[in-house]
Amino acid sequence: MARKYSKGAAKKVARAMHKRKKGTLKSGRSGKKVKSRKQAIAIGLSEARKEGKKVPKKKSAKKMTAKKKTAKKKSAGSRAKSSAKKRARKSRS
């Protein structure tokens, strides 16, 4: 089976992780120190993508928005029920 990530991409991620551990890895525009392991990996993969290494594409926004919409619908329904319960309690007292 073929590799998902190239060796070059793995080296970029390893380098980013090493820099994070050392405390010298900084994020894009803000230049803040990166403390998160996941953020360090994301930076390494991003650098590898820019150099044209073999890295899978980022997850599409369409899939994420569909999940968020269903979550919002569920939470909105539960909020309506809870607010109705609160109103009923207030009217009793």
N, C-alpha and C. Protein backbone atom coordinates (compact mmCIF):
# COMPACT_ATOMS: atom_id res chain seq x y z
N MET A 1 0.84 -1.19 0.00
CA MET A 1 0.00 0.00 0.00
C MET A 1 0.88 1.25 0.00
N ALA A 2 0.46 2.25 -0.74
CA ALA A 2 1.25 3.48 -0.87
C ALA A 2 1.19 4.31 0.41
N ARG A 3 2.22 5.11 0.57
CA ARG A 3 2.27 5.99 1.74
C ARG A 3 1.29 7.14 1.59
N LYS A 4 0.63 7.53 2.69
CA LYS A 4 -0.26 8.69 2.66
C LYS A 4 0.54 9.98 2.65
N TYR A 5 1.59 10.01 3.46
CA TYR A 5 2.45 11.19 3.58
C TYR A 5 3.85 10.81 3.10
N SER A 6 4.50 11.73 2.41
CA SER A 6 5.86 11.45 1.93
C SER A 6 6.85 11.55 3.08
N LYS A 7 8.06 11.05 2.85
CA LYS A 7 9.10 11.12 3.88
C LYS A 7 9.47 12.57 4.15
N GLY A 8 9.45 13.39 3.11
CA GLY A 8 9.75 14.82 3.27
C GLY A 8 8.75 15.51 4.17
N ALA A 9 7.47 15.12 4.04
CA ALA A 9 6.42 15.70 4.87
C ALA A 9 6.62 15.27 6.33
N ALA A 10 7.02 14.01 6.51
CA ALA A 10 7.27 13.51 7.87
C ALA A 10 8.42 14.27 8.52
N LYS A 11 9.43 14.61 7.72
CA LYS A 11 10.57 15.36 8.26
C LYS A 11 10.15 16.77 8.68
N LYS A 12 9.27 17.39 7.88
CA LYS A 12 8.78 18.74 8.21
C LYS A 12 8.01 18.72 9.53
N VAL A 13 7.17 17.69 9.71
CA VAL A 13 6.39 17.57 10.94
C VAL A 13 7.32 17.34 12.13
N ALA A 14 8.31 16.48 11.94
CA ALA A 14 9.26 16.17 13.01
C ALA A 14 10.02 17.44 13.40
N ARG A 15 10.40 18.24 12.40
CA ARG A 15 11.13 19.48 12.65
C ARG A 15 10.25 20.47 13.44
N ALA A 16 8.98 20.56 13.05
CA ALA A 16 8.05 21.45 13.74
C ALA A 16 7.83 20.99 15.18
N MET A 17 7.73 19.68 15.39
CA MET A 17 7.55 19.15 16.74
C MET A 17 8.77 19.45 17.61
N HIS A 18 9.95 19.31 17.01
CA HIS A 18 11.20 19.58 17.73
C HIS A 18 11.27 21.05 18.14
N LYS A 19 10.90 21.93 17.20
CA LYS A 19 10.92 23.37 17.49
C LYS A 19 9.92 23.72 18.58
N ARG A 20 8.74 23.05 18.54
CA ARG A 20 7.72 23.31 19.57
C ARG A 20 8.25 22.93 20.94
N LYS A 21 8.89 21.77 21.00
CA LYS A 21 9.43 21.27 22.27
C LYS A 21 10.50 22.23 22.80
N LYS A 22 11.29 22.76 21.87
CA LYS A 22 12.36 23.69 22.23
C LYS A 22 11.79 25.05 22.64
N GLY A 23 10.59 25.36 22.13
CA GLY A 23 9.94 26.63 22.47
C GLY A 23 10.18 27.73 21.47
N THR A 24 10.62 27.36 20.27
CA THR A 24 10.91 28.39 19.26
C THR A 24 9.93 28.38 18.09
N LEU A 25 8.97 27.47 18.09
CA LEU A 25 8.00 27.41 17.01
C LEU A 25 6.95 28.50 17.21
N LYS A 26 6.73 29.29 16.16
CA LYS A 26 5.77 30.38 16.25
C LYS A 26 4.74 30.25 15.15
N SER A 27 3.52 30.73 15.45
CA SER A 27 2.44 30.64 14.48
C SER A 27 2.53 31.78 13.47
N GLY A 28 1.76 31.68 12.42
CA GLY A 28 1.76 32.59 11.28
C GLY A 28 1.84 34.07 11.55
N ARG A 29 0.73 34.78 11.39
CA ARG A 29 0.74 36.24 11.47
C ARG A 29 1.02 36.77 12.86
N SER A 30 0.42 36.18 13.85
CA SER A 30 0.55 36.71 15.21
C SER A 30 1.95 36.51 15.77
N GLY A 31 2.60 35.43 15.37
CA GLY A 31 3.95 35.16 15.85
C GLY A 31 3.99 34.66 17.29
N LYS A 32 2.83 34.19 17.79
CA LYS A 32 2.78 33.67 19.15
C LYS A 32 3.43 32.30 19.20
N LYS A 33 3.96 31.93 20.37
CA LYS A 33 4.56 30.61 20.55
C LYS A 33 3.48 29.54 20.45
N VAL A 34 3.83 28.46 19.79
CA VAL A 34 2.90 27.35 19.65
C VAL A 34 3.13 26.38 20.79
N LYS A 35 2.06 26.07 21.53
CA LYS A 35 2.18 25.14 22.66
C LYS A 35 1.47 23.82 22.35
N SER A 36 0.50 23.87 21.46
CA SER A 36 -0.31 22.71 21.14
C SER A 36 0.42 21.75 20.20
N ARG A 37 0.33 20.46 20.50
CA ARG A 37 0.93 19.42 19.67
C ARG A 37 0.26 19.39 18.30
N LYS A 38 -1.08 19.49 18.30
CA LYS A 38 -1.84 19.45 17.06
C LYS A 38 -1.49 20.63 16.16
N GLN A 39 -1.31 21.79 16.76
CA GLN A 39 -0.97 22.99 15.99
C GLN A 39 0.40 22.83 15.35
N ALA A 40 1.34 22.23 16.08
CA ALA A 40 2.69 22.01 15.54
C ALA A 40 2.63 21.07 14.34
N ILE A 41 1.82 20.03 14.43
CA ILE A 41 1.67 19.09 13.32
C ILE A 41 1.07 19.81 12.12
N ALA A 42 0.06 20.64 12.37
CA ALA A 42 -0.60 21.38 11.30
C ALA A 42 0.38 22.31 10.59
N ILE A 43 1.25 22.95 11.34
CA ILE A 43 2.25 23.84 10.76
C ILE A 43 3.22 23.05 9.89
N GLY A 44 3.68 21.91 10.38
CA GLY A 44 4.58 21.06 9.62
C GLY A 44 3.97 20.58 8.32
N LEU A 45 2.70 20.16 8.36
CA LEU A 45 2.01 19.70 7.15
C LEU A 45 1.78 20.85 6.18
N SER A 46 1.47 22.01 6.71
CA SER A 46 1.26 23.18 5.86
C SER A 46 2.54 23.54 5.10
N GLU A 47 3.66 23.51 5.80
CA GLU A 47 4.95 23.80 5.15
C GLU A 47 5.25 22.77 4.08
N ALA A 48 4.93 21.51 4.36
CA ALA A 48 5.16 20.43 3.39
C ALA A 48 4.29 20.63 2.16
N ARG A 49 3.04 21.04 2.36
CA ARG A 49 2.14 21.30 1.23
C ARG A 49 2.69 22.41 0.33
N LYS A 50 3.21 23.48 0.97
CA LYS A 50 3.75 24.61 0.21
C LYS A 50 4.93 24.18 -0.66
N GLU A 51 5.72 23.23 -0.18
CA GLU A 51 6.88 22.74 -0.94
C GLU A 51 6.48 21.68 -1.96
N GLY A 52 5.22 21.28 -1.97
CA GLY A 52 4.75 20.31 -2.95
C GLY A 52 4.97 18.86 -2.56
N LYS A 53 5.17 18.61 -1.29
CA LYS A 53 5.35 17.23 -0.81
C LYS A 53 4.00 16.50 -0.88
N LYS A 54 4.06 15.18 -0.80
CA LYS A 54 2.85 14.38 -0.86
C LYS A 54 2.15 14.40 0.50
N VAL A 55 1.08 15.16 0.57
CA VAL A 55 0.29 15.29 1.80
C VAL A 55 -1.17 15.29 1.38
N PRO A 56 -2.05 14.54 2.06
CA PRO A 56 -3.48 14.56 1.71
C PRO A 56 -4.06 15.97 1.84
N LYS A 57 -5.10 16.23 1.07
CA LYS A 57 -5.74 17.54 1.11
C LYS A 57 -6.40 17.76 2.45
N LYS A 58 -6.61 19.03 2.79
CA LYS A 58 -7.32 19.37 4.02
C LYS A 58 -8.76 18.90 3.87
N LYS A 59 -9.43 18.64 4.99
CA LYS A 59 -10.84 18.24 4.94
C LYS A 59 -11.65 19.41 4.40
N SER A 60 -12.63 19.11 3.56
CA SER A 60 -13.40 20.18 2.94
C SER A 60 -14.32 20.85 3.95
N ALA A 61 -14.59 22.11 3.69
CA ALA A 61 -15.45 22.89 4.58
C ALA A 61 -16.90 22.44 4.47
N LYS A 62 -17.30 21.88 3.34
CA LYS A 62 -18.68 21.46 3.13
C LYS A 62 -19.10 20.41 4.15
N LYS A 63 -18.23 19.45 4.40
CA LYS A 63 -18.54 18.38 5.35
C LYS A 63 -18.69 18.94 6.75
N MET A 64 -17.81 19.86 7.10
CA MET A 64 -17.83 20.44 8.44
C MET A 64 -19.08 21.29 8.64
N THR A 65 -19.48 22.06 7.63
CA THR A 65 -20.65 22.91 7.79
C THR A 65 -21.92 22.08 7.93
N ALA A 66 -22.00 20.97 7.23
CA ALA A 66 -23.17 20.11 7.34
C ALA A 66 -23.29 19.56 8.76
N LYS A 67 -22.17 19.18 9.35
CA LYS A 67 -22.18 18.67 10.72
C LYS A 67 -22.60 19.77 11.70
N LYS A 68 -22.09 20.98 11.47
CA LYS A 68 -22.41 22.09 12.37
C LYS A 68 -23.88 22.44 12.30
N LYS A 69 -24.45 22.41 11.08
CA LYS A 69 -25.87 22.75 10.92
C LYS A 69 -26.76 21.78 11.68
N THR A 70 -26.45 20.48 11.61
CA THR A 70 -27.27 19.50 12.32
C THR A 70 -27.11 19.67 13.83
N ALA A 71 -25.92 20.02 14.27
CA ALA A 71 -25.69 20.23 15.70
C ALA A 71 -26.46 21.44 16.18
N LYS A 72 -26.50 22.50 15.35
CA LYS A 72 -27.23 23.72 15.72
C LYS A 72 -28.72 23.44 15.82
N LYS A 73 -29.25 22.66 14.88
CA LYS A 73 -30.67 22.34 14.90
C LYS A 73 -31.04 21.58 16.17
N LYS A 74 -30.20 20.63 16.55
CA LYS A 74 -30.47 19.84 17.76
C LYS A 74 -30.41 20.71 19.00
N SER A 75 -29.40 21.58 19.08
CA SER A 75 -29.25 22.42 20.27
C SER A 75 -30.35 23.47 20.33
N ALA A 76 -30.80 23.98 19.19
CA ALA A 76 -31.86 24.98 19.17
C ALA A 76 -33.16 24.37 19.69
N GLY A 77 -33.43 23.13 19.33
CA GLY A 77 -34.64 22.45 19.81
C GLY A 77 -34.60 22.23 21.30
N SER A 78 -33.47 21.87 21.82
CA SER A 78 -33.36 21.62 23.26
C SER A 78 -33.45 22.93 24.04
N ARG A 79 -32.94 24.03 23.44
CA ARG A 79 -33.02 25.33 24.11
C ARG A 79 -34.47 25.77 24.22
N ALA A 80 -35.25 25.55 23.19
CA ALA A 80 -36.65 25.95 23.19
C ALA A 80 -37.42 25.21 24.28
N LYS A 81 -37.13 23.93 24.42
CA LYS A 81 -37.79 23.12 25.45
C LYS A 81 -37.43 23.61 26.85
N SER A 82 -36.16 23.89 27.07
CA SER A 82 -35.73 24.31 28.40
C SER A 82 -36.29 25.68 28.76
N SER A 83 -36.35 26.59 27.78
CA SER A 83 -36.90 27.92 28.06
C SER A 83 -38.40 27.83 28.35
N ALA A 84 -39.10 26.90 27.69
CA ALA A 84 -40.53 26.70 27.94
C ALA A 84 -40.73 26.17 29.36
N LYS A 85 -39.85 25.30 29.81
CA LYS A 85 -39.94 24.76 31.17
C LYS A 85 -39.72 25.88 32.20
N LYS A 86 -38.76 26.76 31.92
CA LYS A 86 -38.48 27.87 32.83
C LYS A 86 -39.69 28.79 32.95
N ARG A 87 -40.32 29.09 31.80
CA ARG A 87 -41.49 29.95 31.82
C ARG A 87 -42.63 29.32 32.62
N ALA A 88 -42.77 28.01 32.50
CA ALA A 88 -43.83 27.29 33.22
C ALA A 88 -43.57 27.35 34.72
N ARG A 89 -42.32 27.24 35.13
CA ARG A 89 -41.99 27.31 36.56
C ARG A 89 -42.27 28.69 37.13
N LYS A 90 -41.93 29.73 36.34
CA LYS A 90 -42.13 31.10 36.80
C LYS A 90 -43.62 31.41 36.96
N SER A 91 -44.43 30.90 36.06
CA SER A 91 -45.87 31.19 36.12
C SER A 91 -46.53 30.48 37.31
N ARG A 92 -45.99 29.35 37.76
CA ARG A 92 -46.55 28.63 38.90
C ARG A 92 -46.35 29.38 40.20
N SER A 93 -45.20 30.01 40.35
CA SER A 93 -44.90 30.67 41.63
C SER A 93 -45.36 32.09 41.70
